C-alpha atoms as a PDB file:
ATOM      1  CA  UNK A   1     -20.372 -48.033  39.645  1.00  0.00           C
ATOM      2  CA  UNK A   2     -19.871 -44.404  38.807  1.00  0.00           C
ATOM      3  CA  UNK A   3     -21.191 -42.619  42.074  1.00  0.00           C
ATOM      4  CA  UNK A   4     -19.493 -45.366  44.437  1.00  0.00           C
ATOM      5  CA  UNK A   5     -17.012 -44.284  46.900  1.00  0.00           C
ATOM      6  CA  UNK A   6     -13.415 -45.298  46.839  1.00  0.00           C
ATOM      7  CA  UNK A   7     -12.555 -47.996  49.409  1.00  0.00           C
ATOM      8  CA  UNK A   8     -10.343 -45.232  50.832  1.00  0.00           C
ATOM      9  CA  UNK A   9     -13.090 -42.405  51.205  1.00  0.00           C
ATOM     10  CA  UNK A  10     -13.895 -41.067  54.532  1.00  0.00           C
ATOM     11  CA  UNK A  11     -16.402 -43.062  56.260  1.00  0.00           C
ATOM     12  CA  UNK A  12     -20.124 -42.091  56.530  1.00  0.00           C
ATOM     13  CA  UNK A  13     -19.963 -39.213  53.813  1.00  0.00           C
ATOM     14  CA  UNK A  14     -22.145 -39.289  50.653  1.00  0.00           C
ATOM     15  CA  UNK A  15     -20.717 -38.986  47.241  1.00  0.00           C
ATOM     16  CA  UNK A  16     -21.865 -35.228  46.953  1.00  0.00           C
ATOM     17  CA  UNK A  17     -19.215 -34.320  49.743  1.00  0.00           C
ATOM     18  CA  UNK A  18     -16.297 -36.249  48.385  1.00  0.00           C
ATOM     19  CA  UNK A  19     -14.080 -35.664  45.651  1.00  0.00           C
ATOM     20  CA  UNK A  20     -11.423 -38.009  44.217  1.00  0.00           C
ATOM     21  CA  UNK A  21      -7.681 -37.470  44.316  1.00  0.00           C
ATOM     22  CA  UNK A  22      -6.315 -36.706  40.995  1.00  0.00           C
ATOM     23  CA  UNK A  23      -3.358 -38.803  41.495  1.00  0.00           C
ATOM     24  CA  UNK A  24      -4.215 -41.927  43.657  1.00  0.00           C
ATOM     25  CA  UNK A  25      -8.324 -41.883  43.200  1.00  0.00           C
ATOM     26  CA  UNK A  26      -8.828 -41.760  47.069  1.00  0.00           C
ATOM     27  CA  UNK A  27     -11.993 -40.334  48.224  1.00  0.00           C
ATOM     28  CA  UNK A  28     -11.385 -36.775  49.983  1.00  0.00           C
ATOM     29  CA  UNK A  29     -13.524 -34.446  51.622  1.00  0.00           C
ATOM     30  CA  UNK A  30     -14.454 -31.214  49.647  1.00  0.00           C
ATOM     31  CA  UNK A  31     -12.331 -28.991  52.075  1.00  0.00           C
ATOM     32  CA  UNK A  32      -9.248 -31.083  51.986  1.00  0.00           C
ATOM     33  CA  UNK A  33      -6.160 -29.156  51.079  1.00  0.00           C
ATOM     34  CA  UNK A  34      -4.047 -32.267  50.082  1.00  0.00           C
ATOM     35  CA  UNK A  35      -4.735 -35.973  49.837  1.00  0.00           C
ATOM     36  CA  UNK A  36      -3.854 -37.624  53.164  1.00  0.00           C
ATOM     37  CA  UNK A  37      -2.463 -40.807  51.426  1.00  0.00           C
ATOM     38  CA  UNK A  38      -0.296 -39.513  48.304  1.00  0.00           C
ATOM     39  CA  UNK A  39       0.064 -35.571  49.740  1.00  0.00           C
ATOM     40  CA  UNK A  40      -1.119 -34.336  46.200  1.00  0.00           C
ATOM     41  CA  UNK A  41      -2.683 -30.934  46.449  1.00  0.00           C
ATOM     42  CA  UNK A  42      -6.425 -30.876  45.726  1.00  0.00           C
ATOM     43  CA  UNK A  43      -8.185 -28.098  43.732  1.00  0.00           C
ATOM     44  CA  UNK A  44      -9.302 -26.586  47.212  1.00  0.00           C
ATOM     45  CA  UNK A  45      -5.691 -26.668  48.286  1.00  0.00           C
ATOM     46  CA  UNK A  46      -4.680 -24.914  45.190  1.00  0.00           C
ATOM     47  CA  UNK A  47      -7.308 -22.185  45.530  1.00  0.00           C
ATOM     48  CA  UNK A  48      -6.118 -21.582  49.167  1.00  0.00           C
ATOM     49  CA  UNK A  49      -2.387 -21.212  47.862  1.00  0.00           C
ATOM     50  CA  UNK A  50      -3.587 -19.024  45.084  1.00  0.00           C
ATOM     51  CA  UNK A  51      -5.555 -16.930  47.728  1.00  0.00           C
ATOM     52  CA  UNK A  52      -2.483 -16.781  49.988  1.00  0.00           C
ATOM     53  CA  UNK A  53       0.023 -15.861  47.038  1.00  0.00           C
ATOM     54  CA  UNK A  54      -2.394 -12.951  46.016  1.00  0.00           C
ATOM     55  CA  UNK A  55      -2.614 -11.647  49.553  1.00  0.00           C
ATOM     56  CA  UNK A  56       1.097 -11.632  49.930  1.00  0.00           C
ATOM     57  CA  UNK A  57       1.417  -9.773  46.601  1.00  0.00           C
ATOM     58  CA  UNK A  58      -1.039  -7.339  47.541  1.00  0.00           C
ATOM     59  CA  UNK A  59       0.647  -6.754  51.124  1.00  0.00           C
ATOM     60  CA  UNK A  60       4.124  -6.303  49.426  1.00  0.00           C
ATOM     61  CA  UNK A  61       2.303  -3.920  46.831  1.00  0.00           C
ATOM     62  CA  UNK A  62       0.850  -1.830  49.739  1.00  0.00           C
ATOM     63  CA  UNK A  63       4.342  -1.796  51.565  1.00  0.00           C
ATOM     64  CA  UNK A  64       5.968  -0.503  48.228  1.00  0.00           C
ATOM     65  CA  UNK A  65       3.297   2.025  47.863  1.00  0.00           C
ATOM     66  CA  UNK A  66       3.848   3.081  51.590  1.00  0.00           C
ATOM     67  CA  UNK A  67       7.701   3.448  51.102  1.00  0.00           C
ATOM     68  CA  UNK A  68       7.058   5.426  47.768  1.00  0.00           C
ATOM     69  CA  UNK A  69       4.571   7.926  49.577  1.00  0.00           C
ATOM     70  CA  UNK A  70       7.103   8.267  52.365  1.00  0.00           C
ATOM     71  CA  UNK A  71       9.773   9.041  50.020  1.00  0.00           C
ATOM     72  CA  UNK A  72       7.735  11.519  47.976  1.00  0.00           C
ATOM     73  CA  UNK A  73       6.616  13.221  51.595  1.00  0.00           C
ATOM     74  CA  UNK A  74      10.488  13.255  52.301  1.00  0.00           C
ATOM     75  CA  UNK A  75      11.344  14.964  48.926  1.00  0.00           C
ATOM     76  CA  UNK A  76       8.520  17.661  49.612  1.00  0.00           C
ATOM     77  CA  UNK A  77       9.948  18.326  52.863  1.00  0.00           C
ATOM     78  CA  UNK A  78      13.291  18.889  51.714  1.00  0.00           C
ATOM     79  CA  UNK A  79      12.067  21.239  48.952  1.00  0.00           C
ATOM     80  CA  UNK A  80      10.187  23.123  51.574  1.00  0.00           C
ATOM     81  CA  UNK A  81      13.357  23.384  53.710  1.00  0.00           C
ATOM     82  CA  UNK A  82      15.261  24.641  50.725  1.00  0.00           C
ATOM     83  CA  UNK A  83      12.644  27.258  49.490  1.00  0.00           C
ATOM     84  CA  UNK A  84      12.269  28.524  53.228  1.00  0.00           C
ATOM     85  CA  UNK A  85      16.302  28.799  53.455  1.00  0.00           C
ATOM     86  CA  UNK A  86      16.218  30.750  50.213  1.00  0.00           C
ATOM     87  CA  UNK A  87      13.511  33.175  51.238  1.00  0.00           C
ATOM     88  CA  UNK A  88      15.185  33.633  54.697  1.00  0.00           C
ATOM     89  CA  UNK A  89      18.506  34.570  52.837  1.00  0.00           C
ATOM     90  CA  UNK A  90      16.950  37.086  50.708  1.00  0.00           C
ATOM     91  CA  UNK A  91      15.173  38.830  53.344  1.00  0.00           C
ATOM     92  CA  UNK A  92      18.288  38.676  55.616  1.00  0.00           C
ATOM     93  CA  UNK A  93      20.366  40.354  52.439  1.00  0.00           C
ATOM     94  CA  UNK A  94      17.532  43.060  51.744  1.00  0.00           C
ATOM     95  CA  UNK A  95      17.399  43.838  55.677  1.00  0.00           C
ATOM     96  CA  UNK A  96      21.188  43.567  56.111  1.00  0.00           C
ATOM     97  CA  UNK A  97      20.106  41.097  58.977  1.00  0.00           C
ATOM     98  CA  UNK A  98      23.342  38.698  59.381  1.00  0.00           C
ATOM     99  CA  UNK A  99      21.225  36.343  61.897  1.00  0.00           C
ATOM    100  CA  UNK A 100      18.854  35.746  59.011  1.00  0.00           C
ATOM    101  CA  UNK A 101      21.595  34.858  56.513  1.00  0.00           C
ATOM    102  CA  UNK A 102      23.123  32.639  59.098  1.00  0.00           C
ATOM    103  CA  UNK A 103      19.927  30.767  59.470  1.00  0.00           C
ATOM    104  CA  UNK A 104      19.703  30.590  55.899  1.00  0.00           C
ATOM    105  CA  UNK A 105      23.076  29.025  55.629  1.00  0.00           C
ATOM    106  CA  UNK A 106      22.145  26.485  58.292  1.00  0.00           C
ATOM    107  CA  UNK A 107      18.781  25.527  56.701  1.00  0.00           C
ATOM    108  CA  UNK A 108      20.430  24.980  53.223  1.00  0.00           C
ATOM    109  CA  UNK A 109      22.965  22.760  54.664  1.00  0.00           C
ATOM    110  CA  UNK A 110      20.537  20.788  56.300  1.00  0.00           C
ATOM    111  CA  UNK A 111      18.231  20.422  53.164  1.00  0.00           C
ATOM    112  CA  UNK A 112      21.282  19.443  51.249  1.00  0.00           C
ATOM    113  CA  UNK A 113      22.233  16.841  53.845  1.00  0.00           C
ATOM    114  CA  UNK A 114      18.641  15.464  53.832  1.00  0.00           C
ATOM    115  CA  UNK A 115      18.693  15.109  50.067  1.00  0.00           C
ATOM    116  CA  UNK A 116      21.960  13.378  50.101  1.00  0.00           C
ATOM    117  CA  UNK A 117      20.626  10.728  52.892  1.00  0.00           C
ATOM    118  CA  UNK A 118      17.428  10.230  50.682  1.00  0.00           C
ATOM    119  CA  UNK A 119      20.103   9.910  47.572  1.00  0.00           C
ATOM    120  CA  UNK A 120      18.304  12.721  45.564  1.00  0.00           C
ATOM    121  CA  UNK A 121      19.596  15.792  44.165  1.00  0.00           C
ATOM    122  CA  UNK A 122      19.041  18.852  46.416  1.00  0.00           C
ATOM    123  CA  UNK A 123      16.748  21.437  45.027  1.00  0.00           C
ATOM    124  CA  UNK A 124      18.228  24.438  43.454  1.00  0.00           C
ATOM    125  CA  UNK A 125      16.737  26.642  46.108  1.00  0.00           C
ATOM    126  CA  UNK A 126      19.051  24.954  48.668  1.00  0.00           C
ATOM    127  CA  UNK A 127      22.216  25.932  46.537  1.00  0.00           C
ATOM    128  CA  UNK A 128      20.963  29.461  46.275  1.00  0.00           C
ATOM    129  CA  UNK A 129      20.176  29.668  50.014  1.00  0.00           C
ATOM    130  CA  UNK A 130      23.587  28.384  50.665  1.00  0.00           C
ATOM    131  CA  UNK A 131      25.153  31.007  48.454  1.00  0.00           C
ATOM    132  CA  UNK A 132      23.121  33.833  50.014  1.00  0.00           C
ATOM    133  CA  UNK A 133      23.853  32.339  53.342  1.00  0.00           C
ATOM    134  CA  UNK A 134      27.846  32.557  52.557  1.00  0.00           C
ATOM    135  CA  UNK A 135      27.625  35.650  51.215  1.00  0.00           C
ATOM    136  CA  UNK A 136      25.784  36.994  54.259  1.00  0.00           C
ATOM    137  CA  UNK A 137      28.186  35.582  56.659  1.00  0.00           C
ATOM    138  CA  UNK A 138      31.177  36.865  54.607  1.00  0.00           C
ATOM    139  CA  UNK A 139      29.494  40.479  54.795  1.00  0.00           C
ATOM    140  CA  UNK A 140      29.065  40.153  58.375  1.00  0.00           C
ATOM    141  CA  UNK A 141      32.765  39.210  58.742  1.00  0.00           C
ATOM    142  CA  UNK A 142      33.756  42.255  56.665  1.00  0.00           C
ATOM    143  CA  UNK A 143      31.730  44.532  58.510  1.00  0.00           C
ATOM    144  CA  UNK A 144      33.097  43.428  61.939  1.00  0.00           C
ATOM    145  CA  UNK A 145      36.419  43.552  60.470  1.00  0.00           C
ATOM    146  CA  UNK A 146      35.882  47.286  59.385  1.00  0.00           C
ATOM    147  CA  UNK A 147      34.599  48.122  62.796  1.00  0.00           C
ATOM    148  CA  UNK A 148      37.540  46.408  64.514  1.00  0.00           C
ATOM    149  CA  UNK A 149      40.067  48.357  62.223  1.00  0.00           C
ATOM    150  CA  UNK A 150      38.185  51.620  62.657  1.00  0.00           C
ATOM    151  CA  UNK A 151      38.044  51.293  66.429  1.00  0.00           C
ATOM    152  CA  UNK A 152      41.968  50.427  66.459  1.00  0.00           C
ATOM    153  CA  UNK A 153      42.582  53.474  64.100  1.00  0.00           C
ATOM    154  CA  UNK A 154      40.549  55.786  66.593  1.00  0.00           C
ATOM    155  CA  UNK A 155      42.517  54.522  69.268  1.00  0.00           C
ATOM    156  CA  UNK A 156      45.793  55.129  67.714  1.00  0.00           C
ATOM    157  CA  UNK A 157      44.913  58.695  66.687  1.00  0.00           C
ATOM    158  CA  UNK A 158      43.415  59.324  70.262  1.00  0.00           C
END
């Protein structure tokens, strides 16, 4: 008879709550994940696996998005460091303020190191800040040497 339960069907269940195993024909509850007799995955079990796979894919995609977002934030921070170094270096040169050019040198080196750590090319402003910083430090050294030699010259004359 067409609506009859398999001899292996769970006791006391009506045919509306039972499906047949596609492999062995045993009667199964609708919520069964696999057949308790032949271990074949049921349609419900397949749907659960698909849902878990989709959740896993979404979790991986969200993780990748977070990593990309963090990398973008780090790149923006490096660009900001490099731009700050360049501006401080320019201001230091214009004002003949050696401490500012030293700060530009340090900030430029930090921006370049951070870019290298991230595996990206450092912004051009980091290189400009570095060159300005080196130029400012060299100017400071020349100025101090001039002061030293003029003091030595004054000492020798006196």
